[in-house]
Amino acid sequence: MQWLLRSFDKTAVVAALALCGLWLLGQPGQRVLIMLGAVSTAGVLGGLLTRRAMARSAQED
């Protein structure tokens, strides 16, 4: 868990965990909206990971 918090923005991690909780509690109609939110959150996390990887490679050069 510490690696996750160091690797990603803490707000995005909390949002992802909240979406997982809502998925478990939600009705079938709500799950569609929750999945859209999860895809958006995954995009944000992927963008953060890409930016960090690019910054690390720039520092190594």
PDB file of N, CA and C in Angstrom:
ATOM      1  N   MET A   1       0.829  -1.199   0.000  1.00  0.00           N
ATOM      2  CA  MET A   1       0.000   0.000   0.000  1.00  0.00           C
ATOM      3  C   MET A   1       0.866   1.254   0.000  1.00  0.00           C
ATOM      4  N   GLN A   2       2.005   1.221   0.702  1.00  0.00           N
ATOM      5  CA  GLN A   2       2.879   2.394   0.738  1.00  0.00           C
ATOM      6  C   GLN A   2       3.424   2.697  -0.650  1.00  0.00           C
ATOM      7  N   TRP A   3       3.757   1.643  -1.418  1.00  0.00           N
ATOM      8  CA  TRP A   3       4.241   1.871  -2.773  1.00  0.00           C
ATOM      9  C   TRP A   3       3.179   2.581  -3.603  1.00  0.00           C
ATOM     10  N   LEU A   4       1.940   2.155  -3.441  1.00  0.00           N
ATOM     11  CA  LEU A   4       0.843   2.756  -4.188  1.00  0.00           C
ATOM     12  C   LEU A   4       0.699   4.227  -3.846  1.00  0.00           C
ATOM     13  N   LEU A   5       0.778   4.565  -2.568  1.00  0.00           N
ATOM     14  CA  LEU A   5       0.638   5.957  -2.157  1.00  0.00           C
ATOM     15  C   LEU A   5       1.825   6.796  -2.607  1.00  0.00           C
ATOM     16  N   ARG A   6       3.015   6.204  -2.686  1.00  0.00           N
ATOM     17  CA  ARG A   6       4.174   6.951  -3.164  1.00  0.00           C
ATOM     18  C   ARG A   6       4.137   7.118  -4.674  1.00  0.00           C
ATOM     19  N   SER A   7       3.534   6.162  -5.380  1.00  0.00           N
ATOM     20  CA  SER A   7       3.561   6.174  -6.834  1.00  0.00           C
ATOM     21  C   SER A   7       2.478   7.050  -7.449  1.00  0.00           C
ATOM     22  N   PHE A   8       1.357   7.180  -6.803  1.00  0.00           N
ATOM     23  CA  PHE A   8       0.231   7.896  -7.388  1.00  0.00           C
ATOM     24  C   PHE A   8      -0.231   9.022  -6.474  1.00  0.00           C
ATOM     25  N   ASP A   9      -0.934   9.943  -7.063  1.00  0.00           N
ATOM     26  CA  ASP A   9      -1.547  11.028  -6.313  1.00  0.00           C
ATOM     27  C   ASP A   9      -2.530  10.427  -5.306  1.00  0.00           C
ATOM     28  N   LYS A  10      -2.452  10.862  -4.062  1.00  0.00           N
ATOM     29  CA  LYS A  10      -3.296  10.274  -3.008  1.00  0.00           C
ATOM     30  C   LYS A  10      -4.783  10.482  -3.286  1.00  0.00           C
ATOM     31  N   THR A  11      -5.145  11.583  -3.900  1.00  0.00           N
ATOM     32  CA  THR A  11      -6.548  11.828  -4.227  1.00  0.00           C
ATOM     33  C   THR A  11      -7.058  10.798  -5.225  1.00  0.00           C
ATOM     34  N   ALA A  12      -6.244  10.463  -6.211  1.00  0.00           N
ATOM     35  CA  ALA A  12      -6.647   9.473  -7.207  1.00  0.00           C
ATOM     36  C   ALA A  12      -6.788   8.088  -6.575  1.00  0.00           C
ATOM     37  N   VAL A  13      -5.918   7.762  -5.623  1.00  0.00           N
ATOM     38  CA  VAL A  13      -6.008   6.471  -4.938  1.00  0.00           C
ATOM     39  C   VAL A  13      -7.302   6.392  -4.134  1.00  0.00           C
ATOM     40  N   VAL A  14      -7.632   7.459  -3.415  1.00  0.00           N
ATOM     41  CA  VAL A  14      -8.870   7.484  -2.630  1.00  0.00           C
ATOM     42  C   VAL A  14     -10.079   7.375  -3.554  1.00  0.00           C
ATOM     43  N   ALA A  15     -10.038   8.061  -4.687  1.00  0.00           N
ATOM     44  CA  ALA A  15     -11.147   7.983  -5.641  1.00  0.00           C
ATOM     45  C   ALA A  15     -11.310   6.561  -6.169  1.00  0.00           C
ATOM     46  N   ALA A  16     -10.208   5.891  -6.464  1.00  0.00           N
ATOM     47  CA  ALA A  16     -10.284   4.518  -6.966  1.00  0.00           C
ATOM     48  C   ALA A  16     -10.867   3.579  -5.912  1.00  0.00           C
ATOM     49  N   LEU A  17     -10.440   3.742  -4.666  1.00  0.00           N
ATOM     50  CA  LEU A  17     -10.986   2.904  -3.589  1.00  0.00           C
ATOM     51  C   LEU A  17     -12.472   3.180  -3.369  1.00  0.00           C
ATOM     52  N   ALA A  18     -12.869   4.443  -3.455  1.00  0.00           N
ATOM     53  CA  ALA A  18     -14.284   4.789  -3.304  1.00  0.00           C
ATOM     54  C   ALA A  18     -15.114   4.183  -4.429  1.00  0.00           C
ATOM     55  N   LEU A  19     -14.586   4.208  -5.652  1.00  0.00           N
ATOM     56  CA  LEU A  19     -15.306   3.606  -6.772  1.00  0.00           C
ATOM     57  C   LEU A  19     -15.467   2.100  -6.583  1.00  0.00           C
ATOM     58  N   CYS A  20     -14.443   1.449  -6.051  1.00  0.00           N
ATOM     59  CA  CYS A  20     -14.559   0.007  -5.774  1.00  0.00           C
ATOM     60  C   CYS A  20     -15.656  -0.258  -4.744  1.00  0.00           C
ATOM     61  N   GLY A  21     -15.707   0.565  -3.706  1.00  0.00           N
ATOM     62  CA  GLY A  21     -16.744   0.412  -2.689  1.00  0.00           C
ATOM     63  C   GLY A  21     -18.131   0.655  -3.255  1.00  0.00           C
ATOM     64  N   LEU A  22     -18.265   1.682  -4.076  1.00  0.00           N
ATOM     65  CA  LEU A  22     -19.562   1.962  -4.693  1.00  0.00           C
ATOM     66  C   LEU A  22     -19.985   0.843  -5.633  1.00  0.00           C
ATOM     67  N   TRP A  23     -19.012   0.246  -6.317  1.00  0.00           N
ATOM     68  CA  TRP A  23     -19.327  -0.858  -7.217  1.00  0.00           C
ATOM     69  C   TRP A  23     -19.952  -2.015  -6.441  1.00  0.00           C
ATOM     70  N   LEU A  24     -19.400  -2.301  -5.284  1.00  0.00           N
ATOM     71  CA  LEU A  24     -19.914  -3.410  -4.484  1.00  0.00           C
ATOM     72  C   LEU A  24     -21.306  -3.123  -3.934  1.00  0.00           C
ATOM     73  N   LEU A  25     -21.597  -1.859  -3.651  1.00  0.00           N
ATOM     74  CA  LEU A  25     -22.875  -1.495  -3.041  1.00  0.00           C
ATOM     75  C   LEU A  25     -23.939  -1.055  -4.046  1.00  0.00           C
ATOM     76  N   GLY A  26     -23.539  -0.742  -5.265  1.00  0.00           N
ATOM     77  CA  GLY A  26     -24.447  -0.129  -6.234  1.00  0.00           C
ATOM     78  C   GLY A  26     -25.426  -1.087  -6.882  1.00  0.00           C
ATOM     79  N   GLN A  27     -26.482  -0.512  -7.408  1.00  0.00           N
ATOM     80  CA  GLN A  27     -27.476  -1.245  -8.178  1.00  0.00           C
ATOM     81  C   GLN A  27     -26.957  -1.404  -9.612  1.00  0.00           C
ATOM     82  N   PRO A  28     -27.533  -2.323 -10.390  1.00  0.00           N
ATOM     83  CA  PRO A  28     -27.038  -2.536 -11.762  1.00  0.00           C
ATOM     84  C   PRO A  28     -27.014  -1.268 -12.623  1.00  0.00           C
ATOM     85  N   GLY A  29     -28.015  -0.430 -12.511  1.00  0.00           N
ATOM     86  CA  GLY A  29     -28.031   0.810 -13.286  1.00  0.00           C
ATOM     87  C   GLY A  29     -26.932   1.773 -12.870  1.00  0.00           C
ATOM     88  N   GLN A  30     -26.640   1.800 -11.590  1.00  0.00           N
ATOM     89  CA  GLN A  30     -25.586   2.683 -11.088  1.00  0.00           C
ATOM     90  C   GLN A  30     -24.206   2.172 -11.465  1.00  0.00           C
ATOM     91  N   ARG A  31     -24.085   0.883 -11.661  1.00  0.00           N
ATOM     92  CA  ARG A  31     -22.773   0.302 -11.961  1.00  0.00           C
ATOM     93  C   ARG A  31     -22.222   0.801 -13.292  1.00  0.00           C
ATOM     94  N   VAL A  32     -23.101   1.141 -14.222  1.00  0.00           N
ATOM     95  CA  VAL A  32     -22.641   1.693 -15.502  1.00  0.00           C
ATOM     96  C   VAL A  32     -21.936   3.018 -15.259  1.00  0.00           C
ATOM     97  N   LEU A  33     -22.536   3.885 -14.458  1.00  0.00           N
ATOM     98  CA  LEU A  33     -21.910   5.168 -14.145  1.00  0.00           C
ATOM     99  C   LEU A  33     -20.622   4.975 -13.356  1.00  0.00           C
ATOM    100  N   ILE A  34     -20.630   4.013 -12.457  1.00  0.00           N
ATOM    101  CA  ILE A  34     -19.427   3.733 -11.666  1.00  0.00           C
ATOM    102  C   ILE A  34     -18.305   3.244 -12.578  1.00  0.00           C
ATOM    103  N   MET A  35     -18.632   2.415 -13.564  1.00  0.00           N
ATOM    104  CA  MET A  35     -17.608   1.944 -14.502  1.00  0.00           C
ATOM    105  C   MET A  35     -17.031   3.103 -15.300  1.00  0.00           C
ATOM    106  N   LEU A  36     -17.865   4.058 -15.698  1.00  0.00           N
ATOM    107  CA  LEU A  36     -17.353   5.238 -16.407  1.00  0.00           C
ATOM    108  C   LEU A  36     -16.400   6.028 -15.521  1.00  0.00           C
ATOM    109  N   GLY A  37     -16.749   6.162 -14.254  1.00  0.00           N
ATOM    110  CA  GLY A  37     -15.850   6.830 -13.312  1.00  0.00           C
ATOM    111  C   GLY A  37     -14.559   6.063 -13.122  1.00  0.00           C
ATOM    112  N   ALA A  38     -14.645   4.744 -13.098  1.00  0.00           N
ATOM    113  CA  ALA A  38     -13.446   3.919 -12.940  1.00  0.00           C
ATOM    114  C   ALA A  38     -12.524   4.052 -14.145  1.00  0.00           C
ATOM    115  N   VAL A  39     -13.102   4.119 -15.333  1.00  0.00           N
ATOM    116  CA  VAL A  39     -12.284   4.304 -16.533  1.00  0.00           C
ATOM    117  C   VAL A  39     -11.589   5.660 -16.493  1.00  0.00           C
ATOM    118  N   SER A  40     -12.293   6.686 -16.055  1.00  0.00           N
ATOM    119  CA  SER A  40     -11.687   8.009 -15.927  1.00  0.00           C
ATOM    120  C   SER A  40     -10.565   8.003 -14.897  1.00  0.00           C
ATOM    121  N   THR A  41     -10.795   7.349 -13.777  1.00  0.00           N
ATOM    122  CA  THR A  41      -9.767   7.257 -12.737  1.00  0.00           C
ATOM    123  C   THR A  41      -8.551   6.497 -13.247  1.00  0.00           C
ATOM    124  N   ALA A  42      -8.781   5.428 -13.981  1.00  0.00           N
ATOM    125  CA  ALA A  42      -7.659   4.670 -14.549  1.00  0.00           C
ATOM    126  C   ALA A  42      -6.865   5.533 -15.521  1.00  0.00           C
ATOM    127  N   GLY A  43      -7.555   6.371 -16.273  1.00  0.00           N
ATOM    128  CA  GLY A  43      -6.857   7.290 -17.176  1.00  0.00           C
ATOM    129  C   GLY A  43      -5.997   8.284 -16.428  1.00  0.00           C
ATOM    130  N   VAL A  44      -6.516   8.804 -15.330  1.00  0.00           N
ATOM    131  CA  VAL A  44      -5.744   9.750 -14.514  1.00  0.00           C
ATOM    132  C   VAL A  44      -4.522   9.061 -13.927  1.00  0.00           C
ATOM    133  N   LEU A  45      -4.703   7.865 -13.375  1.00  0.00           N
ATOM    134  CA  LEU A  45      -3.576   7.128 -12.803  1.00  0.00           C
ATOM    135  C   LEU A  45      -2.544   6.788 -13.872  1.00  0.00           C
ATOM    136  N   GLY A  46      -3.006   6.400 -15.044  1.00  0.00           N
ATOM    137  CA  GLY A  46      -2.082   6.108 -16.140  1.00  0.00           C
ATOM    138  C   GLY A  46      -1.312   7.341 -16.583  1.00  0.00           C
ATOM    139  N   GLY A  47      -1.994   8.478 -16.623  1.00  0.00           N
ATOM    140  CA  GLY A  47      -1.318   9.726 -16.974  1.00  0.00           C
ATOM    141  C   GLY A  47      -0.266  10.109 -15.957  1.00  0.00           C
ATOM    142  N   LEU A  48      -0.575   9.938 -14.684  1.00  0.00           N
ATOM    143  CA  LEU A  48       0.405  10.243 -13.640  1.00  0.00           C
ATOM    144  C   LEU A  48       1.616   9.327 -13.745  1.00  0.00           C
ATOM    145  N   LEU A  49       1.366   8.053 -13.990  1.00  0.00           N
ATOM    146  CA  LEU A  49       2.463   7.099 -14.111  1.00  0.00           C
ATOM    147  C   LEU A  49       3.336   7.433 -15.318  1.00  0.00           C
ATOM    148  N   THR A  50       2.717   7.806 -16.420  1.00  0.00           N
ATOM    149  CA  THR A  50       3.471   8.162 -17.617  1.00  0.00           C
ATOM    150  C   THR A  50       4.316   9.401 -17.384  1.00  0.00           C
ATOM    151  N   ARG A  51       3.743  10.423 -16.751  1.00  0.00           N
ATOM    152  CA  ARG A  51       4.510  11.645 -16.475  1.00  0.00           C
ATOM    153  C   ARG A  51       5.697  11.366 -15.571  1.00  0.00           C
ATOM    154  N   ARG A  52       5.498  10.536 -14.563  1.00  0.00           N
ATOM    155  CA  ARG A  52       6.610  10.215 -13.654  1.00  0.00           C
ATOM    156  C   ARG A  52       7.698   9.440 -14.380  1.00  0.00           C
ATOM    157  N   ALA A  53       7.306   8.512 -15.243  1.00  0.00           N
ATOM    158  CA  ALA A  53       8.295   7.743 -15.998  1.00  0.00           C
ATOM    159  C   ALA A  53       9.080   8.651 -16.940  1.00  0.00           C
ATOM    160  N   MET A  54       8.392   9.598 -17.568  1.00  0.00           N
ATOM    161  CA  MET A  54       9.078  10.531 -18.462  1.00  0.00           C
ATOM    162  C   MET A  54      10.027  11.434 -17.684  1.00  0.00           C
ATOM    163  N   ALA A  55       9.621  11.870 -16.509  1.00  0.00           N
ATOM    164  CA  ALA A  55      10.478  12.727 -15.688  1.00  0.00           C
ATOM    165  C   ALA A  55      11.716  11.962 -15.224  1.00  0.00           C
ATOM    166  N   ARG A  56      11.545  10.708 -14.866  1.00  0.00           N
ATOM    167  CA  ARG A  56      12.695   9.899 -14.437  1.00  0.00           C
ATOM    168  C   ARG A  56      13.664   9.676 -15.585  1.00  0.00           C
ATOM    169  N   SER A  57      13.138   9.397 -16.780  1.00  0.00           N
ATOM    170  CA  SER A  57      14.030   9.173 -17.919  1.00  0.00           C
ATOM    171  C   SER A  57      14.748  10.461 -18.310  1.00  0.00           C
ATOM    172  N   ALA A  58      14.099  11.602 -18.139  1.00  0.00           N
ATOM    173  CA  ALA A  58      14.748  12.880 -18.436  1.00  0.00           C
ATOM    174  C   ALA A  58      15.859  13.172 -17.433  1.00  0.00           C
ATOM    175  N   GLN A  59      15.674  12.778 -16.180  1.00  0.00           N
ATOM    176  CA  GLN A  59      16.704  12.993 -15.165  1.00  0.00           C
ATOM    177  C   GLN A  59      17.906  12.087 -15.389  1.00  0.00           C
ATOM    178  N   GLU A  60      17.675  10.895 -15.930  1.00  0.00           N
ATOM    179  CA  GLU A  60      18.770   9.957 -16.170  1.00  0.00           C
ATOM    180  C   GLU A  60      19.653  10.406 -17.321  1.00  0.00           C
ATOM    181  N   ASP A  61      19.092  11.162 -18.256  1.00  0.00           N
ATOM    182  CA  ASP A  61      19.874  11.621 -19.424  1.00  0.00           C
ATOM    183  C   ASP A  61      20.828  12.707 -19.099  1.00  0.00           C
TER     184      ASP A  61
END
